[in-house]
N, C-alpha and C. Protein backbone atom coordinates (compact mmCIF):
# COMPACT_ATOMS: atom_id res chain seq x y z
N UNK A 1 93.66 189.37 38.04
CA UNK A 1 92.95 188.55 37.27
C UNK A 1 91.51 188.17 37.91
N UNK A 2 90.45 188.22 37.10
CA UNK A 2 89.24 187.87 37.72
C UNK A 2 88.59 186.85 36.82
N UNK A 3 87.94 185.78 37.52
CA UNK A 3 87.17 184.82 36.85
C UNK A 3 85.73 184.75 37.54
N UNK A 4 84.81 184.10 36.95
CA UNK A 4 83.51 183.97 37.62
C UNK A 4 83.66 183.27 38.97
N UNK A 5 84.56 182.37 39.11
CA UNK A 5 84.90 181.67 40.41
C UNK A 5 85.35 182.61 41.46
N UNK A 6 86.25 183.49 41.16
CA UNK A 6 86.88 184.50 42.08
C UNK A 6 85.72 185.54 42.45
N UNK A 7 84.96 185.93 41.37
CA UNK A 7 83.86 186.85 41.69
C UNK A 7 82.85 186.23 42.62
N UNK A 8 82.59 184.95 42.55
CA UNK A 8 81.64 184.30 43.31
C UNK A 8 82.01 184.25 44.79
N UNK A 9 83.28 184.44 45.14
CA UNK A 9 83.60 184.47 46.63
C UNK A 9 83.19 185.81 47.23
N UNK A 10 82.95 186.83 46.41
CA UNK A 10 82.61 188.16 46.96
C UNK A 10 83.52 188.72 47.98
N UNK A 11 83.14 188.94 49.19
CA UNK A 11 83.97 189.51 50.29
C UNK A 11 84.56 188.38 51.26
N UNK A 12 84.44 187.14 50.78
CA UNK A 12 85.05 186.06 51.54
C UNK A 12 86.54 186.10 51.39
N UNK A 13 87.28 186.08 52.53
CA UNK A 13 88.73 186.05 52.50
C UNK A 13 89.38 184.97 51.68
N UNK A 14 90.21 185.25 50.66
CA UNK A 14 90.85 184.30 49.79
C UNK A 14 92.04 184.84 49.20
N UNK A 15 92.85 183.99 48.68
CA UNK A 15 94.09 184.35 47.88
C UNK A 15 93.99 183.63 46.61
N UNK A 16 94.50 184.23 45.57
CA UNK A 16 94.55 183.69 44.24
C UNK A 16 96.01 183.37 43.90
N UNK A 17 96.27 182.19 43.45
CA UNK A 17 97.72 181.90 43.11
C UNK A 17 97.70 181.38 41.69
N UNK A 18 98.71 181.97 40.86
CA UNK A 18 98.91 181.55 39.47
C UNK A 18 100.19 180.77 39.36
N UNK A 19 100.11 179.94 38.41
CA UNK A 19 101.30 179.16 38.02
C UNK A 19 101.29 178.95 36.55
N UNK A 20 102.44 178.64 35.94
CA UNK A 20 102.54 178.48 34.56
C UNK A 20 102.04 177.05 34.13
N UNK A 21 100.82 177.04 33.47
CA UNK A 21 100.21 175.79 33.03
C UNK A 21 100.92 175.22 31.83
N UNK A 22 101.33 173.95 31.87
CA UNK A 22 101.81 173.35 30.67
C UNK A 22 100.81 172.61 29.95
N UNK A 23 100.48 172.98 28.74
CA UNK A 23 99.41 172.47 27.92
C UNK A 23 99.59 170.95 27.74
N UNK A 24 100.83 170.41 27.88
CA UNK A 24 101.10 168.91 27.83
C UNK A 24 100.84 168.19 29.03
N UNK A 25 100.45 168.88 30.20
CA UNK A 25 100.27 168.25 31.40
C UNK A 25 99.18 167.12 31.23
N UNK A 26 99.41 165.96 31.80
CA UNK A 26 98.42 164.84 31.85
C UNK A 26 97.38 164.91 32.93
N UNK A 27 97.85 165.37 34.01
CA UNK A 27 97.04 165.60 35.19
C UNK A 27 97.03 167.06 35.73
N UNK A 28 96.00 167.77 35.54
CA UNK A 28 95.97 169.09 35.97
C UNK A 28 96.03 169.23 37.52
N UNK A 29 95.56 168.32 38.29
CA UNK A 29 95.67 168.42 39.66
C UNK A 29 97.10 168.15 40.12
N UNK A 30 97.79 167.14 39.62
CA UNK A 30 99.14 166.90 39.88
C UNK A 30 99.98 168.16 39.56
N UNK A 31 99.62 168.73 38.41
CA UNK A 31 100.44 169.92 38.02
C UNK A 31 100.33 171.08 39.09
N UNK A 32 99.09 171.33 39.55
CA UNK A 32 98.91 172.30 40.59
C UNK A 32 99.75 171.99 41.85
N UNK A 33 99.59 170.72 42.27
CA UNK A 33 100.44 170.20 43.42
C UNK A 33 101.84 170.56 43.24
N UNK A 34 102.45 170.18 42.05
CA UNK A 34 103.83 170.31 41.81
C UNK A 34 104.25 171.81 41.78
N UNK A 35 103.34 172.58 41.23
CA UNK A 35 103.60 174.06 41.10
C UNK A 35 103.49 174.79 42.35
N UNK A 36 102.48 174.49 43.25
CA UNK A 36 102.12 175.28 44.32
C UNK A 36 102.50 174.64 45.77
N UNK A 37 102.50 173.32 45.83
CA UNK A 37 102.66 172.70 47.13
C UNK A 37 103.85 173.28 48.02
N UNK A 38 105.03 173.15 47.45
CA UNK A 38 106.21 173.55 48.22
C UNK A 38 106.22 175.08 48.41
N UNK A 39 105.74 175.87 47.33
CA UNK A 39 105.82 177.30 47.37
C UNK A 39 104.94 177.84 48.52
N UNK A 40 103.86 177.13 48.70
CA UNK A 40 102.77 177.60 49.68
C UNK A 40 102.83 176.83 50.97
N UNK A 41 103.66 175.79 51.03
CA UNK A 41 103.75 174.99 52.20
C UNK A 41 102.49 174.14 52.46
N UNK A 42 101.94 173.61 51.39
CA UNK A 42 100.65 172.84 51.54
C UNK A 42 101.07 171.39 50.94
N UNK A 43 100.38 170.47 51.41
CA UNK A 43 100.50 169.10 50.91
C UNK A 43 99.45 168.80 49.87
N UNK A 44 99.63 167.77 49.16
CA UNK A 44 98.66 167.40 47.97
C UNK A 44 97.23 167.33 48.49
N UNK A 45 97.09 166.80 49.71
CA UNK A 45 95.70 166.55 50.16
C UNK A 45 95.05 167.89 50.57
N UNK A 46 95.66 168.96 50.44
CA UNK A 46 95.07 170.36 50.62
C UNK A 46 94.59 170.97 49.26
N UNK A 47 95.04 170.37 48.25
CA UNK A 47 94.67 170.91 46.93
C UNK A 47 93.61 169.93 46.36
N UNK A 48 92.43 170.58 46.05
CA UNK A 48 91.27 169.83 45.70
C UNK A 48 90.99 169.94 44.20
N UNK A 49 90.52 168.88 43.62
CA UNK A 49 90.06 168.69 42.28
C UNK A 49 88.58 168.81 42.22
N UNK A 50 88.08 169.28 41.08
CA UNK A 50 86.72 169.43 40.91
C UNK A 50 86.19 168.59 39.72
N UNK A 51 85.37 167.47 40.11
CA UNK A 51 84.88 166.63 39.06
C UNK A 51 83.39 166.75 38.81
N UNK A 52 83.01 166.83 37.62
CA UNK A 52 81.56 166.93 37.30
C UNK A 52 80.97 165.48 37.12
N UNK A 53 79.97 165.16 37.77
CA UNK A 53 79.31 163.81 37.74
C UNK A 53 77.90 163.87 37.27
N UNK A 54 77.39 162.85 36.74
CA UNK A 54 75.99 162.75 36.46
C UNK A 54 75.23 161.82 37.26
N UNK A 55 74.29 162.27 38.01
CA UNK A 55 73.66 161.50 38.91
C UNK A 55 72.58 160.72 38.05
N UNK A 56 72.10 159.53 38.61
CA UNK A 56 71.17 158.61 37.97
C UNK A 56 69.84 159.31 37.64
N UNK A 57 69.57 160.44 38.33
CA UNK A 57 68.39 161.24 38.07
C UNK A 57 68.60 162.12 36.62
N UNK A 58 69.83 162.03 36.12
CA UNK A 58 70.05 162.83 34.92
C UNK A 58 70.61 164.15 35.25
N UNK A 59 70.62 164.56 36.54
CA UNK A 59 71.15 165.87 36.82
C UNK A 59 72.73 165.80 36.91
N UNK A 60 73.38 166.99 36.61
CA UNK A 60 74.76 166.94 36.76
C UNK A 60 75.05 167.59 38.25
N UNK A 61 76.09 167.22 38.72
CA UNK A 61 76.57 167.72 40.08
C UNK A 61 78.06 167.75 40.05
N UNK A 62 78.56 168.31 41.17
CA UNK A 62 80.07 168.51 41.36
C UNK A 62 80.51 167.79 42.61
N UNK A 63 81.66 167.07 42.42
CA UNK A 63 82.37 166.48 43.60
C UNK A 63 83.68 167.08 43.74
N UNK A 64 84.09 167.59 44.94
CA UNK A 64 85.37 168.32 45.10
C UNK A 64 86.15 167.40 46.13
N UNK A 65 87.32 166.95 45.78
CA UNK A 65 88.03 166.06 46.63
C UNK A 65 89.63 166.24 46.40
N UNK A 66 90.38 165.81 47.37
CA UNK A 66 91.86 166.01 47.25
C UNK A 66 92.32 165.39 46.01
N UNK A 67 93.33 166.06 45.43
CA UNK A 67 93.98 165.60 44.21
C UNK A 67 94.38 164.07 44.17
N UNK A 68 95.06 163.70 45.21
CA UNK A 68 95.67 162.30 45.24
C UNK A 68 94.50 161.29 45.42
N UNK A 69 93.34 161.69 45.83
CA UNK A 69 92.25 160.65 46.11
C UNK A 69 91.37 160.29 44.96
N UNK A 70 90.87 159.11 45.00
CA UNK A 70 89.94 158.69 43.99
C UNK A 70 88.47 158.83 44.34
N UNK A 71 87.65 159.31 43.53
CA UNK A 71 86.21 159.55 43.89
C UNK A 71 85.45 158.24 43.97
N UNK A 72 84.69 158.09 45.08
CA UNK A 72 83.70 157.00 45.06
C UNK A 72 82.43 157.49 44.59
N UNK A 73 82.10 157.10 43.42
CA UNK A 73 80.79 157.61 42.73
C UNK A 73 79.60 157.29 43.53
N UNK A 74 79.71 156.11 44.19
CA UNK A 74 78.63 155.54 44.99
C UNK A 74 78.36 156.55 46.28
N UNK A 75 79.56 156.94 46.86
CA UNK A 75 79.45 157.84 48.01
C UNK A 75 78.93 159.20 47.66
N UNK A 76 79.41 159.75 46.51
CA UNK A 76 79.07 161.00 46.00
C UNK A 76 77.58 161.08 45.76
N UNK A 77 77.17 160.05 44.96
CA UNK A 77 75.70 159.97 44.72
C UNK A 77 74.86 159.93 45.93
N UNK A 78 75.28 159.18 46.95
CA UNK A 78 74.47 159.02 48.14
C UNK A 78 74.45 160.41 48.83
N UNK A 79 75.57 161.08 48.94
CA UNK A 79 75.62 162.34 49.57
C UNK A 79 74.70 163.36 48.99
N UNK A 80 74.46 163.20 47.62
CA UNK A 80 73.62 164.11 46.87
C UNK A 80 72.12 163.52 46.69
N UNK A 81 71.89 162.45 47.47
CA UNK A 81 70.56 161.94 47.35
C UNK A 81 70.15 161.18 46.18
N UNK A 82 71.10 160.50 45.44
CA UNK A 82 70.78 159.80 44.30
C UNK A 82 71.36 158.37 44.61
N UNK A 83 70.69 157.39 43.76
CA UNK A 83 71.22 156.10 44.07
C UNK A 83 72.47 155.74 43.33
N UNK A 84 72.79 156.36 42.25
CA UNK A 84 74.03 156.12 41.42
C UNK A 84 74.50 157.39 40.87
N UNK A 85 75.77 157.31 40.43
CA UNK A 85 76.39 158.40 39.61
C UNK A 85 77.44 157.84 38.74
N UNK A 86 77.73 158.58 37.61
CA UNK A 86 78.79 158.29 36.67
C UNK A 86 79.55 159.64 36.41
N UNK A 87 80.63 159.44 35.84
CA UNK A 87 81.40 160.61 35.35
C UNK A 87 80.60 161.27 34.22
N UNK A 88 80.49 162.55 34.25
CA UNK A 88 79.65 163.29 33.25
C UNK A 88 80.44 163.35 31.90
N UNK A 89 79.72 163.40 30.92
CA UNK A 89 80.23 163.69 29.43
C UNK A 89 81.04 164.90 29.53
N UNK A 90 82.31 164.91 28.93
CA UNK A 90 83.17 166.06 29.04
C UNK A 90 82.59 167.32 28.52
N UNK A 91 81.96 167.10 27.27
CA UNK A 91 81.43 168.30 26.56
C UNK A 91 80.21 168.92 27.35
N UNK A 92 79.43 168.09 27.95
CA UNK A 92 78.17 168.54 28.62
C UNK A 92 78.78 169.17 29.97
N UNK A 93 79.79 168.66 30.49
CA UNK A 93 80.37 169.23 31.75
C UNK A 93 80.82 170.67 31.48
N UNK A 94 81.59 170.77 30.45
CA UNK A 94 82.13 172.14 30.01
C UNK A 94 80.94 173.11 29.58
N UNK A 95 80.01 172.71 28.89
CA UNK A 95 78.93 173.58 28.51
C UNK A 95 78.09 173.94 29.67
N UNK A 96 77.85 173.04 30.64
CA UNK A 96 77.10 173.37 31.84
C UNK A 96 77.67 174.26 32.74
N UNK A 97 79.16 174.05 33.03
CA UNK A 97 79.79 174.73 33.98
C UNK A 97 80.37 176.10 33.52
N UNK A 98 80.56 176.16 32.20
CA UNK A 98 81.24 177.23 31.48
C UNK A 98 82.71 177.27 31.65
N UNK A 99 83.31 176.26 32.14
CA UNK A 99 84.74 175.98 32.40
C UNK A 99 85.32 174.97 31.46
N UNK A 100 86.49 175.10 31.16
CA UNK A 100 87.16 173.93 30.34
C UNK A 100 87.77 172.99 31.38
N UNK A 101 87.88 171.73 30.83
CA UNK A 101 88.43 170.72 31.82
C UNK A 101 89.82 171.06 32.22
N UNK A 102 90.09 170.81 33.50
CA UNK A 102 91.32 171.24 34.14
C UNK A 102 91.17 172.68 34.68
N UNK A 103 90.12 173.33 34.42
CA UNK A 103 89.93 174.67 35.03
C UNK A 103 88.49 174.83 35.68
N UNK A 104 87.80 173.56 35.85
CA UNK A 104 86.55 173.50 36.29
C UNK A 104 86.58 173.87 37.89
N UNK A 105 85.87 174.97 38.24
CA UNK A 105 85.85 175.39 39.66
C UNK A 105 84.46 174.95 40.26
N UNK A 106 84.50 174.72 41.56
CA UNK A 106 83.18 174.50 42.28
C UNK A 106 82.39 175.90 42.41
N UNK A 107 83.06 176.88 42.05
CA UNK A 107 82.50 178.21 42.32
C UNK A 107 82.15 179.01 40.96
N UNK A 108 81.12 179.82 40.82
CA UNK A 108 80.85 180.61 39.73
C UNK A 108 80.54 179.84 38.47
N UNK A 109 79.87 178.68 38.50
CA UNK A 109 79.59 177.96 37.35
C UNK A 109 78.46 178.71 36.59
N UNK A 110 78.41 178.48 35.26
CA UNK A 110 77.28 178.97 34.44
C UNK A 110 75.89 178.61 34.98
N UNK A 111 75.80 177.34 35.29
CA UNK A 111 74.60 176.78 35.92
C UNK A 111 75.01 176.26 37.26
N UNK A 112 74.61 176.82 38.43
CA UNK A 112 75.07 176.23 39.70
C UNK A 112 74.60 174.86 39.90
N UNK A 113 75.57 173.93 40.28
CA UNK A 113 75.23 172.57 40.32
C UNK A 113 75.30 172.05 41.80
N UNK A 114 74.47 171.16 42.20
CA UNK A 114 74.58 170.49 43.56
C UNK A 114 76.09 170.15 43.70
N UNK A 115 76.55 170.39 44.89
CA UNK A 115 78.09 170.08 45.11
C UNK A 115 78.26 169.36 46.42
N UNK A 116 79.15 168.48 46.42
CA UNK A 116 79.54 167.71 47.59
C UNK A 116 81.05 167.94 47.77
N UNK A 117 81.57 168.27 48.78
CA UNK A 117 83.03 168.49 49.14
C UNK A 117 83.46 167.41 50.06
N UNK A 118 84.55 166.73 49.80
CA UNK A 118 85.00 165.66 50.67
C UNK A 118 85.17 166.22 52.07
N UNK A 119 84.71 165.48 53.08
CA UNK A 119 84.78 165.88 54.51
C UNK A 119 86.26 166.12 54.97
N UNK A 120 87.22 165.59 54.22
CA UNK A 120 88.61 165.80 54.75
C UNK A 120 89.09 167.30 54.54
N UNK A 121 88.28 168.02 53.74
CA UNK A 121 88.59 169.52 53.61
C UNK A 121 88.57 170.18 54.93
N UNK A 122 87.59 169.78 55.73
CA UNK A 122 87.37 170.47 57.10
C UNK A 122 88.52 170.24 58.10
N UNK A 123 89.45 169.36 57.83
CA UNK A 123 90.58 169.00 58.65
C UNK A 123 91.64 170.07 58.44
N UNK A 124 91.59 170.89 57.46
CA UNK A 124 92.67 171.82 57.11
C UNK A 124 92.21 173.31 57.45
N UNK A 125 93.24 174.14 57.78
CA UNK A 125 92.85 175.63 57.95
C UNK A 125 92.72 176.30 56.56
N UNK A 126 93.27 175.73 55.54
CA UNK A 126 93.05 176.32 54.23
C UNK A 126 93.18 175.26 53.14
N UNK A 127 92.45 175.34 52.11
CA UNK A 127 92.53 174.44 50.98
C UNK A 127 92.56 175.22 49.69
N UNK A 128 92.97 174.63 48.69
CA UNK A 128 93.01 175.28 47.30
C UNK A 128 92.17 174.52 46.34
N UNK A 129 91.49 175.28 45.42
CA UNK A 129 90.71 174.69 44.37
C UNK A 129 90.83 175.51 43.16
N UNK A 130 90.36 175.04 42.07
CA UNK A 130 90.54 175.84 40.83
C UNK A 130 89.80 177.15 40.88
N UNK A 131 90.42 178.17 40.36
CA UNK A 131 89.89 179.42 40.25
C UNK A 131 89.15 179.64 38.92
N UNK A 132 88.93 178.67 38.15
CA UNK A 132 88.14 178.66 36.96
C UNK A 132 89.05 178.83 35.64
N UNK A 133 90.30 178.62 35.79
CA UNK A 133 91.25 178.67 34.67
C UNK A 133 92.37 177.70 34.93
N UNK A 134 92.78 177.01 33.88
CA UNK A 134 94.05 176.26 34.14
C UNK A 134 95.25 177.17 34.56
N UNK A 135 95.83 176.78 35.63
CA UNK A 135 97.00 177.56 36.03
C UNK A 135 96.65 178.61 37.13
N UNK A 136 95.42 178.50 37.59
CA UNK A 136 94.90 179.53 38.54
C UNK A 136 94.12 178.76 39.72
N UNK A 137 94.64 178.96 40.93
CA UNK A 137 93.95 178.33 42.11
C UNK A 137 93.50 179.39 43.19
N UNK A 138 92.48 179.09 43.86
CA UNK A 138 91.97 179.85 44.95
C UNK A 138 92.29 179.25 46.31
N UNK A 139 92.90 179.93 47.24
CA UNK A 139 93.13 179.46 48.50
C UNK A 139 92.06 180.09 49.41
N UNK A 140 91.42 179.24 50.25
CA UNK A 140 90.28 179.65 50.95
C UNK A 140 90.10 178.78 52.24
N UNK A 141 89.43 179.23 53.25
CA UNK A 141 89.19 178.35 54.45
C UNK A 141 88.11 177.38 54.04
N UNK A 142 88.20 176.14 54.31
CA UNK A 142 87.28 175.15 53.91
C UNK A 142 85.77 175.45 54.22
N UNK A 143 85.55 175.98 55.40
CA UNK A 143 84.12 176.29 55.80
C UNK A 143 83.54 177.37 54.86
N UNK A 144 84.43 178.31 54.44
CA UNK A 144 84.02 179.38 53.50
C UNK A 144 83.70 178.81 52.15
N UNK A 145 84.57 177.88 51.67
CA UNK A 145 84.32 177.13 50.41
C UNK A 145 82.99 176.45 50.39
N UNK A 146 82.74 175.72 51.46
CA UNK A 146 81.50 174.91 51.64
C UNK A 146 80.25 175.87 51.48
N UNK A 147 80.38 176.98 52.27
CA UNK A 147 79.24 177.96 52.28
C UNK A 147 79.05 178.72 50.94
N UNK A 148 80.23 178.95 50.34
CA UNK A 148 80.15 179.74 49.00
C UNK A 148 79.55 178.88 47.86
N UNK A 149 79.82 177.54 48.12
CA UNK A 149 79.33 176.56 47.05
C UNK A 149 77.89 176.08 47.36
N UNK A 150 77.47 176.35 48.56
CA UNK A 150 76.23 175.81 49.00
C UNK A 150 76.29 174.30 49.04
N UNK A 151 77.40 173.77 49.47
CA UNK A 151 77.70 172.38 49.35
C UNK A 151 77.38 171.63 50.64
N UNK A 152 77.29 170.31 50.43
CA UNK A 152 77.26 169.35 51.55
C UNK A 152 78.68 168.81 51.60
N UNK A 153 78.94 168.29 52.80
CA UNK A 153 80.29 167.64 53.00
C UNK A 153 80.01 166.16 53.29
N UNK A 154 80.85 165.24 52.88
CA UNK A 154 80.72 163.81 53.05
C UNK A 154 82.02 163.13 52.71
N UNK A 155 82.19 161.92 53.19
CA UNK A 155 83.35 161.26 52.72
C UNK A 155 83.05 160.59 51.44
N UNK A 156 83.70 161.05 50.43
CA UNK A 156 83.33 160.71 49.00
C UNK A 156 84.63 160.07 48.27
N UNK A 157 85.61 159.74 49.01
CA UNK A 157 86.76 159.09 48.44
C UNK A 157 86.73 157.61 48.83
N UNK A 158 87.45 156.92 47.91
CA UNK A 158 87.35 155.36 48.19
C UNK A 158 88.38 154.64 47.33
């Protein structure tokens, strides 16, 4: 299976993992943790969610952080050089990224957005993030994810 997110990795070493997505799932991140954590021998903090935010400048951006963590909008905005941020409108986020919610990847977006990845990613030898479709995750070295996204890293949880 290939998605724009997977294609965006090019020749960067990665693995793709699929699981059966339940359309009734209330938390896509928790679903990924439940489906893949034990199977792959990873903890919830190694599985990252992708949130689309709107900076006070009006620009959309992406924050990537561990599934169990809460995003600090203030910290994410500061890392991306803006005074404030809020969660982006869902329709606008989907239209801009080209992905449906629950399948938004930091990679291969329709319009490449400024990206900040929580610094905790660098503590792991591998992390997982959405491969651009619900029920599909990419496993990759954190430094490779940062490079492929053209991201900055910062502490963005709180």
